[in-house]
Structures are given as structure tokens and as C-alpha cells.
Protein backbone atom coordinates (compact mmCIF):
# COMPACT_ATOMS: atom_id res chain seq x y z
CA SER A 1 103.13 45.07 -208.30
CA LEU A 2 99.75 44.21 -206.81
CA LEU A 3 98.24 40.80 -207.37
CA ASN A 4 94.93 41.02 -209.21
CA MET A 5 92.45 39.41 -206.87
CA SER A 6 89.96 39.00 -209.70
CA LEU A 7 91.86 35.81 -210.43
CA PHE A 8 90.04 34.35 -207.45
CA HIS A 9 86.51 35.14 -208.72
CA PRO A 10 85.91 31.51 -209.80
CA PHE A 11 86.63 30.37 -206.24
CA GLU A 12 83.57 31.80 -204.56
CA GLU A 13 83.56 29.00 -201.99
CA LEU A 14 87.13 29.77 -200.86
CA GLN A 15 87.31 29.78 -197.06
CA CYS A 16 90.98 30.40 -196.25
CA LEU A 17 93.39 32.83 -197.90
CA ASP A 18 96.94 33.56 -196.79
CA PHE A 19 98.95 36.43 -198.29
CA TYR A 20 101.58 36.68 -195.60
CA GLU A 21 104.34 39.06 -196.73
CA ASN A 22 102.68 40.08 -200.01
CA LYS A 23 100.78 43.07 -201.34
CA ALA A 24 97.37 42.01 -202.56
CA TYR A 25 93.85 43.25 -201.94
CA ASP A 26 92.21 44.33 -205.19
CA SER A 27 88.74 42.72 -205.58
CA LEU A 28 88.83 41.12 -202.14
CA GLY A 29 85.16 41.92 -201.79
CA SER A 30 84.18 39.16 -204.18
CA LEU A 31 85.22 36.45 -201.74
CA ARG A 32 81.99 36.49 -199.73
CA GLN A 33 82.53 33.01 -198.27
CA LEU A 34 86.06 33.70 -197.01
CA LYS A 35 86.47 32.80 -193.35
CA ILE A 36 90.21 33.09 -192.69
CA LEU A 37 92.31 35.94 -194.06
CA ASN A 38 95.97 36.43 -193.20
CA LEU A 39 97.47 39.71 -194.42
CA GLY A 40 100.13 39.88 -191.73
CA GLY A 41 103.69 40.96 -192.42
CA ASN A 42 102.96 43.25 -195.38
CA PHE A 43 103.29 46.99 -195.93
CA LEU A 44 99.56 47.62 -196.05
CA ASN A 45 98.12 50.96 -194.98
CA ASP A 46 94.57 52.15 -194.31
CA ASN A 47 93.66 51.67 -197.98
CA ILE A 48 93.12 47.97 -197.30
CA LEU A 49 90.31 48.59 -194.81
CA PRO A 50 87.39 49.40 -197.18
CA TYR A 51 88.14 46.23 -199.14
CA LEU A 52 87.39 44.17 -196.03
CA ASN A 53 83.93 45.65 -195.58
CA THR A 54 82.02 42.99 -197.51
CA LEU A 55 83.88 39.95 -196.15
CA THR A 56 81.12 39.36 -193.64
CA SER A 57 81.84 35.63 -193.34
CA LEU A 58 85.32 36.24 -191.90
CA THR A 59 85.98 34.54 -188.58
CA THR A 60 89.76 35.13 -188.44
CA LEU A 61 91.54 38.27 -189.62
CA ASN A 62 95.29 38.81 -189.21
CA LEU A 63 96.58 42.32 -189.97
CA ARG A 64 99.64 42.00 -187.79
CA SER A 65 102.82 43.93 -188.65
CA ASN A 66 101.54 46.40 -191.26
CA ASN A 67 101.42 50.21 -191.48
CA ILE A 68 97.74 50.65 -190.64
CA GLU A 69 96.99 53.84 -188.73
CA GLY A 70 93.33 53.07 -188.09
CA SER A 71 91.74 56.23 -189.47
CA ARG A 72 89.46 54.21 -191.79
CA ILE A 73 88.91 51.21 -189.54
CA LYS A 74 85.19 51.93 -189.18
CA GLN A 75 84.76 51.42 -192.93
CA GLY A 76 86.06 47.84 -192.73
CA ILE A 77 86.73 45.82 -189.61
CA CYS A 78 83.86 47.15 -187.49
CA ASN A 79 81.30 45.59 -189.85
CA LEU A 80 82.79 42.08 -189.60
CA LYS A 81 80.47 40.94 -186.83
CA ASN A 82 81.29 37.23 -187.25
CA LEU A 83 84.94 37.66 -186.33
CA PHE A 84 86.21 35.27 -183.67
CA GLU A 85 89.88 36.26 -183.91
CA LEU A 86 91.39 39.67 -184.70
CA ASP A 87 95.08 40.56 -184.68
CA LEU A 88 95.87 44.28 -185.04
CA SER A 89 99.23 44.15 -183.32
CA SER A 90 102.37 45.94 -184.49
CA ASN A 91 100.71 48.58 -186.63
CA ASN A 92 100.77 52.38 -186.45
CA PHE A 93 97.59 53.03 -184.51
CA GLU A 94 97.69 56.28 -182.62
CA GLY A 95 95.48 57.56 -179.86
CA HIS A 96 92.34 55.58 -179.09
CA LEU A 97 90.97 52.50 -180.74
CA PRO A 98 87.60 53.21 -182.39
CA GLN A 99 84.55 52.66 -180.22
CA CYS A 100 82.90 50.70 -183.01
CA LEU A 101 85.05 47.66 -182.17
CA ASN A 102 82.37 47.06 -179.56
CA ASN A 103 80.27 45.72 -182.43
CA LEU A 104 82.46 42.61 -182.64
CA THR A 105 80.60 40.81 -179.91
CA HIS A 106 81.68 37.32 -181.05
CA LEU A 107 85.41 38.01 -180.64
CA LYS A 108 87.28 35.38 -178.67
CA VAL A 109 90.86 36.46 -179.43
CA LEU A 110 91.98 40.10 -179.65
CA ASP A 111 95.57 41.30 -179.96
CA ILE A 112 96.00 45.09 -179.93
CA SER A 113 99.57 45.15 -178.65
CA ASN A 114 101.07 48.21 -180.25
CA ARG A 115 103.67 50.70 -179.05
CA GLN A 116 102.03 53.48 -181.05
CA LEU A 117 98.84 53.46 -179.00
CA SER A 118 98.90 56.17 -176.39
CA GLY A 119 96.71 58.36 -174.27
CA LYS A 120 94.17 56.82 -171.90
CA VAL A 121 93.16 53.19 -172.07
CA PRO A 122 89.94 52.97 -174.12
CA SER A 123 86.68 51.50 -172.90
CA THR A 124 86.28 49.82 -176.28
CA LEU A 125 86.40 46.36 -174.76
CA THR A 126 83.40 46.67 -172.44
CA ASN A 127 80.92 44.83 -174.66
CA LEU A 128 83.33 42.15 -175.87
CA THR A 129 82.25 39.65 -173.24
CA SER A 130 83.05 36.65 -175.46
CA LEU A 131 86.78 37.35 -175.22
CA GLU A 132 88.95 34.44 -174.14
CA TYR A 133 92.34 35.96 -175.05
CA LEU A 134 93.25 39.63 -174.74
CA ASP A 135 96.73 41.00 -175.42
CA ARG A 136 97.50 44.65 -174.65
CA PHE A 137 101.21 43.96 -174.40
CA SER A 138 103.70 46.82 -174.82
CA ILE A 139 101.37 49.76 -175.25
CA ASN A 140 102.06 53.37 -174.42
CA PHE A 141 98.83 54.11 -172.62
CA GLN A 142 99.31 56.52 -169.76
CA GLY A 143 97.65 57.47 -166.51
CA THR A 144 95.69 55.41 -164.02
CA VAL A 145 93.23 52.90 -165.33
CA SER A 146 90.95 50.33 -163.79
CA ILE A 147 90.28 47.01 -165.51
CA ASN A 148 86.68 46.95 -164.28
CA SER A 149 85.63 47.07 -167.93
CA LEU A 150 86.50 43.35 -168.00
CA ALA A 151 84.32 42.45 -165.01
CA ASN A 152 81.66 40.69 -167.10
CA HIS A 153 84.08 38.78 -169.31
CA SER A 154 83.28 35.38 -167.86
CA LYS A 155 85.10 33.46 -170.62
CA LEU A 156 88.43 35.29 -170.33
CA GLU A 157 91.35 32.87 -169.85
CA VAL A 158 94.39 34.85 -171.04
CA LEU A 159 95.01 38.49 -170.08
CA LEU A 160 98.29 40.18 -171.05
CA ILE A 161 98.85 43.81 -170.09
CA SER A 162 102.16 45.62 -170.10
CA SER A 163 103.05 49.29 -170.32
CA GLY A 164 105.50 50.35 -172.99
CA SER A 165 105.94 53.82 -171.54
CA ASN A 166 106.32 53.13 -167.82
CA MET A 167 103.48 55.64 -167.35
CA LEU A 168 100.57 53.25 -166.88
CA GLN A 169 99.20 52.34 -163.47
CA VAL A 170 96.66 49.54 -163.50
CA LYS A 171 94.16 49.51 -160.66
CA THR A 172 92.93 46.05 -159.74
CA GLU A 173 91.54 46.61 -156.24
CA THR A 174 87.89 46.74 -157.27
CA TRP A 175 88.01 44.14 -160.04
CA HIS A 176 86.10 40.98 -159.29
CA PRO A 177 86.37 38.87 -162.44
CA THR A 178 83.71 36.32 -163.22
CA SER A 179 86.25 34.24 -165.14
CA GLN A 180 88.95 31.79 -164.09
CA LEU A 181 92.18 32.95 -165.72
CA LYS A 182 94.87 30.54 -166.84
CA VAL A 183 97.47 33.09 -167.96
CA LEU A 184 97.91 36.56 -166.43
CA LYS A 185 100.56 39.15 -167.24
CA LEU A 186 100.48 42.52 -165.48
CA SER A 187 104.04 43.74 -165.93
CA ASP A 188 105.22 47.36 -165.65
CA CYS A 189 101.80 48.30 -164.31
CA HIS A 190 102.91 50.06 -161.08
CA LEU A 191 101.17 47.55 -158.87
CA HIS A 192 101.87 48.22 -155.19
CA VAL A 193 99.71 45.50 -153.64
CA ILE A 194 98.93 41.97 -154.69
CA PRO A 195 95.72 41.95 -156.75
CA SER A 196 93.06 40.68 -154.38
CA PHE A 197 91.20 38.85 -157.13
CA LEU A 198 94.07 36.34 -157.30
CA LEU A 199 92.71 34.78 -154.13
CA GLN A 200 89.83 33.40 -156.21
CA GLN A 201 91.88 32.40 -159.25
CA TYR A 202 92.33 28.65 -158.85
CA HIS A 203 93.27 27.71 -162.42
CA LEU A 204 96.28 29.98 -162.98
CA ILE A 205 99.24 28.22 -164.57
CA PHE A 206 101.24 31.30 -165.65
CA LEU A 207 101.62 34.51 -163.64
CA ASP A 208 103.89 37.40 -164.59
CA LEU A 209 103.94 40.41 -162.24
CA SER A 210 107.43 41.53 -163.21
CA ASN A 211 108.56 45.12 -162.79
CA ASN A 212 106.10 45.82 -160.01
CA LYS A 213 106.44 45.96 -156.24
CA VAL A 214 104.27 43.14 -154.95
CA LEU A 215 104.80 39.65 -153.49
CA PRO A 216 102.18 38.20 -151.12
CA ARG A 217 103.13 36.01 -148.20
CA ASN A 218 100.39 33.45 -148.89
CA MET A 219 100.73 33.29 -152.65
CA GLY A 220 101.86 29.66 -152.67
CA ILE A 221 98.76 28.54 -150.81
CA VAL A 222 96.43 30.51 -153.06
CA LEU A 223 98.15 29.63 -156.35
CA GLN A 224 99.02 25.99 -155.84
CA LYS A 225 98.40 25.10 -159.50
CA LEU A 226 100.77 27.75 -160.83
CA ILE A 227 103.35 26.44 -163.31
CA TYR A 228 105.26 29.63 -164.23
CA LEU A 229 106.22 32.30 -161.69
CA ASP A 230 107.99 35.19 -163.42
CA MET A 231 108.77 38.19 -161.17
CA PRO A 232 112.22 39.54 -161.99
CA LYS A 233 113.30 43.17 -161.72
CA ASN A 234 111.01 44.22 -158.89
CA ILE A 235 112.03 45.81 -155.60
CA PHE A 236 111.26 42.79 -153.43
CA GLU A 237 113.12 42.68 -150.12
CA GLY A 238 113.49 40.27 -147.22
CA ASP A 239 112.81 36.55 -147.37
CA ILE A 240 111.04 34.75 -150.18
CA PRO A 241 107.54 33.73 -149.02
CA TYR A 242 107.87 30.21 -147.69
CA SER A 243 104.39 29.43 -149.01
CA ILE A 244 105.90 29.07 -152.50
CA GLY A 245 106.99 25.64 -151.30
CA GLU A 246 103.35 24.58 -151.60
CA MET A 247 103.51 24.99 -155.38
CA LYS A 248 104.12 21.34 -156.18
CA GLU A 249 103.51 21.87 -159.92
CA LEU A 250 105.76 24.93 -160.30
CA TYR A 251 107.93 24.40 -163.40
CA MET A 252 109.71 27.74 -163.73
CA GLN A 253 110.52 30.27 -161.01
CA ASP A 254 112.34 33.50 -161.84
CA LEU A 255 112.82 35.91 -158.94
CA SER A 256 116.08 37.33 -160.22
CA ARG A 257 117.25 40.96 -159.99
CA ASN A 258 115.47 41.82 -156.77
CA ASN A 259 116.70 42.57 -153.24
CA PHE A 260 115.81 39.27 -151.59
CA SER A 261 118.04 38.20 -148.73
CA GLY A 262 118.37 35.40 -146.19
CA GLU A 263 119.31 31.79 -146.72
CA LEU A 264 117.78 29.48 -149.29
CA PRO A 265 114.34 28.74 -147.83
CA GLN A 266 113.96 25.07 -147.02
CA PRO A 267 110.23 24.86 -147.96
CA ILE A 268 111.05 25.97 -151.51
CA VAL A 269 114.16 23.95 -152.34
CA SER A 270 112.60 20.84 -150.82
CA GLY A 271 108.95 21.41 -151.73
CA CYS A 272 108.98 22.70 -155.33
CA VAL A 273 109.80 19.25 -156.63
CA ALA A 274 108.71 19.93 -160.24
CA LEU A 275 111.08 22.87 -160.84
CA ASP A 276 112.87 22.79 -164.20
CA LEU A 277 114.32 26.33 -164.06
CA PHE A 278 115.14 28.16 -160.82
CA ASP A 279 116.60 31.66 -161.04
CA LEU A 280 117.53 33.62 -157.90
CA SER A 281 120.45 35.47 -159.44
CA ASN A 282 121.29 39.08 -158.64
CA ASN A 283 119.86 39.18 -155.13
CA ASN A 284 121.39 39.31 -151.64
CA PHE A 285 121.10 35.69 -150.50
CA PHE A 286 123.75 34.39 -148.13
CA GLY A 287 124.71 31.25 -146.22
CA GLN A 288 124.93 27.69 -147.50
CA ILE A 289 124.48 27.44 -151.25
CA PHE A 290 123.58 23.73 -151.56
CA PRO A 291 122.03 22.71 -148.21
CA LYS A 292 121.44 19.01 -147.66
CA TYR A 293 117.65 19.39 -147.60
CA MET A 294 117.43 20.28 -151.30
CA ASN A 295 115.13 18.03 -153.31
CA LEU A 296 115.11 19.44 -156.84
CA THR A 297 115.23 16.16 -158.71
CA HIS A 298 113.76 17.53 -161.97
CA LEU A 299 115.93 20.63 -162.12
CA HIS A 300 117.68 21.45 -165.41
CA TRP A 301 118.81 25.07 -164.95
CA LEU A 302 119.92 26.74 -161.70
CA TYR A 303 121.10 30.36 -161.49
CA LEU A 304 122.40 31.57 -158.11
CA ASP A 305 125.04 33.98 -159.38
CA ASN A 306 125.62 37.49 -158.03
CA ASN A 307 124.61 36.82 -154.44
CA HIS A 308 126.51 36.53 -151.15
CA PHE A 309 126.63 32.76 -150.64
CA SER A 310 129.72 31.73 -148.71
CA GLY A 311 131.48 28.75 -147.19
CA LYS A 312 132.08 25.35 -148.68
CA MET A 313 129.65 23.72 -151.07
CA ASP A 314 127.52 21.00 -149.50
CA ASP A 315 126.03 18.17 -151.57
CA GLY A 316 122.34 19.14 -151.61
CA LEU A 317 122.42 19.38 -155.40
CA ARG A 318 123.70 15.83 -155.76
CA SER A 319 120.15 14.57 -156.39
CA SER A 320 119.68 16.93 -159.36
CA THR A 321 121.00 14.38 -161.81
CA SER A 322 119.36 16.06 -164.85
CA LEU A 323 121.06 19.40 -164.34
CA GLU A 324 122.24 21.06 -167.57
CA GLY A 325 123.20 24.57 -166.47
CA LEU A 326 124.68 25.81 -163.17
CA ASP A 327 125.81 29.37 -162.49
CA ILE A 328 127.15 30.18 -159.02
CA SER A 329 129.63 32.85 -160.09
CA ASP A 330 130.10 36.14 -158.23
CA ASN A 331 129.62 34.81 -154.71
CA MET A 332 131.99 34.22 -151.78
CA LEU A 333 132.32 30.44 -151.94
CA SER A 334 135.43 28.79 -150.58
CA GLY A 335 136.95 25.33 -150.34
CA ASN A 336 137.42 22.83 -153.13
CA ILE A 337 135.15 22.21 -156.08
CA PRO A 338 133.23 19.12 -154.89
CA ASN A 339 133.82 15.84 -156.67
CA TRP A 340 130.08 15.13 -157.03
CA ILE A 341 129.73 17.82 -159.70
CA GLY A 342 131.68 15.53 -162.01
CA ASN A 343 128.96 12.88 -161.58
CA ILE A 344 126.21 15.03 -163.16
CA SER A 345 126.69 13.68 -166.66
CA THR A 346 124.07 15.98 -168.23
CA LEU A 347 125.90 19.18 -167.27
CA ARG A 348 126.47 21.47 -170.28
CA VAL A 349 127.18 24.87 -168.69
CA LEU A 350 129.20 25.44 -165.50
CA PHE A 351 130.02 28.95 -164.26
CA MET A 352 131.88 29.22 -160.95
CA SER A 353 134.13 32.24 -161.49
CA LYS A 354 134.69 35.15 -159.08
CA ASN A 355 134.61 33.19 -155.84
CA TYR A 356 137.30 32.09 -153.38
CA LEU A 357 137.49 28.47 -154.48
CA GLU A 358 140.82 26.71 -154.00
CA ALA A 359 142.98 25.54 -156.85
CA ASN A 360 142.22 21.84 -156.69
CA ILE A 361 140.09 20.93 -159.71
CA PRO A 362 138.54 17.46 -159.41
CA VAL A 363 139.51 14.99 -162.09
CA GLN A 364 135.83 14.07 -162.24
CA LEU A 365 135.23 17.18 -164.37
CA ASN A 366 137.01 15.38 -167.19
CA HIS A 367 134.13 12.89 -167.21
CA LEU A 368 131.58 15.54 -168.22
CA LYS A 369 131.33 14.67 -171.89
CA SER A 370 128.32 16.99 -172.42
CA LEU A 371 130.10 20.05 -171.03
CA GLU A 372 130.07 22.94 -173.52
CA LEU A 373 130.97 25.98 -171.41
CA ILE A 374 132.99 26.13 -168.21
CA ASP A 375 134.35 29.14 -166.35
CA ILE A 376 136.07 28.66 -163.00
CA PHE A 377 138.60 31.46 -163.35
CA GLU A 378 139.07 34.40 -161.01
CA ASN A 379 139.00 32.38 -157.82
CA SER A 380 141.31 32.44 -154.84
CA LEU A 381 144.45 30.52 -155.75
CA SER A 382 146.18 31.65 -152.60
CA GLY A 383 148.69 29.70 -150.54
CA SER A 384 151.01 26.93 -151.57
CA SER A 385 149.26 24.44 -153.81
CA LYS A 386 150.26 20.80 -154.03
CA LEU A 387 148.86 20.59 -157.53
CA ILE A 388 151.49 19.12 -159.87
CA THR A 389 149.46 18.53 -163.05
CA LEU A 390 146.61 20.73 -164.29
CA ASP A 391 144.84 19.05 -167.21
CA LEU A 392 141.93 21.06 -168.64
CA ARG A 393 142.26 19.96 -172.25
CA ASP A 394 139.32 19.97 -174.69
CA ASN A 395 136.85 21.92 -172.59
CA LYS A 396 135.15 25.24 -173.31
CA PHE A 397 137.20 27.60 -171.16
CA PHE A 398 137.07 31.15 -172.46
CA GLY A 399 138.57 34.52 -171.61
CA ARG A 400 142.13 34.89 -170.41
CA ILE A 401 144.37 32.68 -168.30
CA PRO A 402 143.99 34.18 -164.79
CA TYR A 403 147.02 36.06 -163.48
CA GLN A 404 146.65 34.22 -160.16
CA ILE A 405 147.92 31.06 -161.82
CA ASN A 406 151.36 31.96 -160.45
CA GLU A 407 150.16 30.73 -157.05
CA LEU A 408 150.29 27.12 -158.31
CA SER A 409 153.91 27.00 -157.20
CA ASN A 410 154.36 23.23 -157.55
CA LEU A 411 152.90 22.95 -161.03
CA HIS A 412 154.96 20.75 -163.36
CA VAL A 413 152.47 20.18 -166.21
CA LEU A 414 149.89 22.63 -167.60
CA LEU A 415 147.60 21.33 -170.36
CA LEU A 416 145.02 23.79 -171.75
CA LYS A 417 144.72 22.53 -175.34
CA GLY A 418 141.41 22.76 -177.18
CA ASN A 419 139.64 25.59 -175.36
CA SER A 420 138.61 29.14 -176.30
CA LEU A 421 141.22 31.03 -174.29
CA GLN A 422 142.03 34.51 -175.57
CA GLU A 423 144.26 37.54 -175.07
CA HIS A 424 148.00 37.19 -174.45
CA ILE A 425 149.83 34.44 -172.58
CA PRO A 426 150.46 35.99 -169.13
CA ASN A 427 154.00 36.60 -167.89
CA GLU A 428 152.87 35.18 -164.54
CA LEU A 429 153.54 31.73 -166.00
CA CYS A 430 157.22 32.62 -165.77
CA GLN A 431 156.95 32.52 -161.98
CA LEU A 432 156.11 28.81 -162.04
CA ALA A 433 159.67 27.68 -161.44
CA LYS A 434 158.84 23.96 -161.62
CA LEU A 435 156.80 24.15 -164.84
CA ARG A 436 158.31 21.85 -167.47
CA ILE A 437 155.54 20.84 -169.86
CA MET A 438 152.78 23.05 -171.31
CA ASP A 439 150.22 22.62 -174.09
CA LEU A 440 148.32 25.75 -175.16
CA SER A 441 147.45 24.65 -178.69
CA ASN A 442 144.06 25.11 -180.35
CA ASN A 443 143.08 28.27 -178.50
CA MET A 444 142.73 31.89 -179.63
CA PHE A 445 145.75 33.55 -178.01
CA SER A 446 147.25 36.72 -179.42
CA GLY A 447 150.74 38.17 -179.16
CA SER A 448 153.95 36.25 -178.63
CA ILE A 449 155.08 33.55 -176.22
CA PRO A 450 156.97 35.11 -173.27
CA SER A 451 160.68 34.54 -173.76
CA CYS A 452 161.04 33.53 -170.11
CA LEU A 453 159.33 30.23 -170.94
CA GLY A 454 162.37 29.02 -172.87
CA ASN A 455 162.93 26.10 -170.47
CA VAL A 456 159.36 24.84 -170.87
CA SER A 457 158.56 22.14 -173.41
CA PHE A 458 155.50 23.03 -175.54
CA TRP A 459 154.06 19.58 -175.85
CA ARG A 460 151.56 18.16 -178.32
CA GLU A 461 150.04 14.73 -178.39
């Protein structure tokens, strides 16, 4: 049932009212002094709009996540000329936003992100020159649109635009903003060239141009203050621009799922000293994976999986003593797992599967007390191994025991207790003629123990 708002008549000086996830609007008009109204997360429809008409003192109005279609919006919101913040996101607006929103000339924050909006991008925002934050994220607007309507918005700091339909092409060539942006998102906007206005944007700390086709050579020189660089899933090819190495404050760099190639560029892995997350996965990089000139001393997460790195691992990552996650799976790495990995005491996640690494597993890995997930299966266990004891107890191995384990021909002791290994125990273990002691307890195996292992002692501590 609806809450009777007449209960609030004695509180004429009330300035903030929050009805998040409720149904209540009867007699709202009596609260003439109300400044903040949160009606987000309800099931309200257009019937709420006329009740807002007299709340002329409102500065903040949240109608996020309702069922408002907007047909009666002129009867309510458009008269609230003192609004500073308006959230209309995640409703059922269709077609264009009403032109009367231009009356809200004091707006600083506007969120109209809504997958129901379609058609051409409206010119509603032209007069809203007080805007500091504008979110048009995930909308279904179609066609080609210029953002020249924002040319006079000198206070704009945050601009978020993304197409929900993959049918929107944003034209930026003739836009010369009078503002200095701090956050810019232009994803899925069919950009083919780097927006020229970025050359004059000196305060950017977050830039997202994902799902486009642009990457300027000089971007690192122009955007030296950038903190977040998020450009996955584009069609970038060739080398990464070396100028990115000039971004000394860059905290996160995601260039994954592109077609970059070449070796790891020295200016980046030695110059981006503030990097916390570095993601180059799913590209075509090759050559040395950890060159000696790396200088990523603040790095916590490194993703280089699904590339073409080859050869033995050098020790360039040795200085990354705060590393928590490392994924170098799906490459062509060879040689032994280096001992220095066992010295990174903060390591929690280690993925090295699907390479050509040799069977020797350094005992130093047993020192990684923070390790939660480790996957080094599906490597090249070819040739005669001198390994006699394989002790991987109490780690976080998952999946199946690799069939290639039969190549460890000299193995006497196999200890895999306390992992998350699954599926059946492979018959390939029967080919380990020298195997005498095995501990597979505290895993998630299914099926029966192969009868051929009758001469092996199943040992427990």
C-alpha cells in the first residue's frame, strides 16, 4: 500500500527525504522546502511526475531505476529550475527527451543513461551550460551525431557516452570544448581518428576509448597526467605507441583484446613506474616476456596471457615485489620456472599453463603463503626428467592432473594433497614405473583409483 505523505505535513522545513525502494508520493506537494528527494529503485510510473511540480526548492532529484516513460515529464521535472542534480537513468524513456529540460539551467549533474532511449541524439542539452557531469552511457541512439552542442559547457569535467546499439557514430572533429575534462568515456562510438580536442585536455585522469579504432602515436606526450587508460577490444595493430612511457602517473593500462604485436616496448615497461594494473592479454606480442629493463615496482596485477611470447623467462619482473596476480598462460615459453617467482611473497594468483615449460618446479613456490590459485598444467613435460619428488601439497591447483605427467619417468613420490583437482585419476600414472608413494587426499576426484596403482602406497601425514 502507498504511504500517506500527509503524515509529513507538520515537517514543512524538511529538506531531505529518502524513499529508496518504496512506493510513496501522495501529498508530496506540501513539502515546499524539500531540497533532496530520492525515489530511486521503486516501481514508479509517470503518475509520480505531477506530484513533483510544486517542489520548487529541490536541488537533487533521484528517479533512477523506475518505470517512468517520460510522457508527463513536462508537468513535473521541467518546472524544477533549482535542480543541481538529476538522475533519470534506468527508466523506460523512449524516443527523445523533452526539449523543456533546457529550462534546468542550474543543473550540474545529469544522468540520462537508458537503453530505452533511441532515435537521434537530442539537442536538449544545448542550454545546460552549468553541467559538470553528463552520463549518456548505454543508450540506443542511432545515426551520426556531433557533440558540438556541448561546446559552451565550460564547467564540464565528466563526459560519459557509450552506444548501446552499436549504431551511434560520434563526430568529434569540430568540437573545441571550453572545459578541461577530467573523465572522458567515448566507447562504442565508431571513432576512426583520435579526437583532436584531446591535444588541449591537460587535466584528464581517466580516458576510455574502448571499442573504437583509434590510438595516437603522441598520446603519452599529450596526456601525461592520465591515470586510467582503458582501450580493450579495438582493432589496434602494430606496436604500442612508445610515448605512453611518458605517462609517469598512469595507474591502470588495459590494451587487451587487440592486434598489437612486437616486443614489450622498453619505454613503457621502464617508464610507467606508477602502474598498478597492466593488461596486454589477447594480443600478438612476441619475444622476451620479462626483459631486464622492466621497472614496474608498484605493479600488483600483470596479464600477458594469450600472446606469442617465447624463450626462457628473464628476471625483469624481480623488482615487482608487490605483485599479486600474474597470468602468462597460452604463450610459447620454455625452460624452467624461475626461482625468483618464489620470492614474491605477495603473489596470490599464478597462471602459467599452456606453455612449453619444463617439469622442474622450484621449491621456492612452497614459500608463497599468500598463493590462492595456481595453474601450471598443460606444459611441455617432454624428455627424461630427473625429478624424483613432486610436492605440490596444500596449494590451489584446479582442473585435472595433466596426462603428460607420464613423462616424469623418475618420479618416486607424488604429493598433491589439499588442492582442487577434479575429474578422474589418469591411467597415465600407471606408466610411472618408479612411483612408490602418492598422496591425492583432500581433492575433488571422481571415479575409482586405477587398479594398476596397486604397488603404490597412498600416504597420509
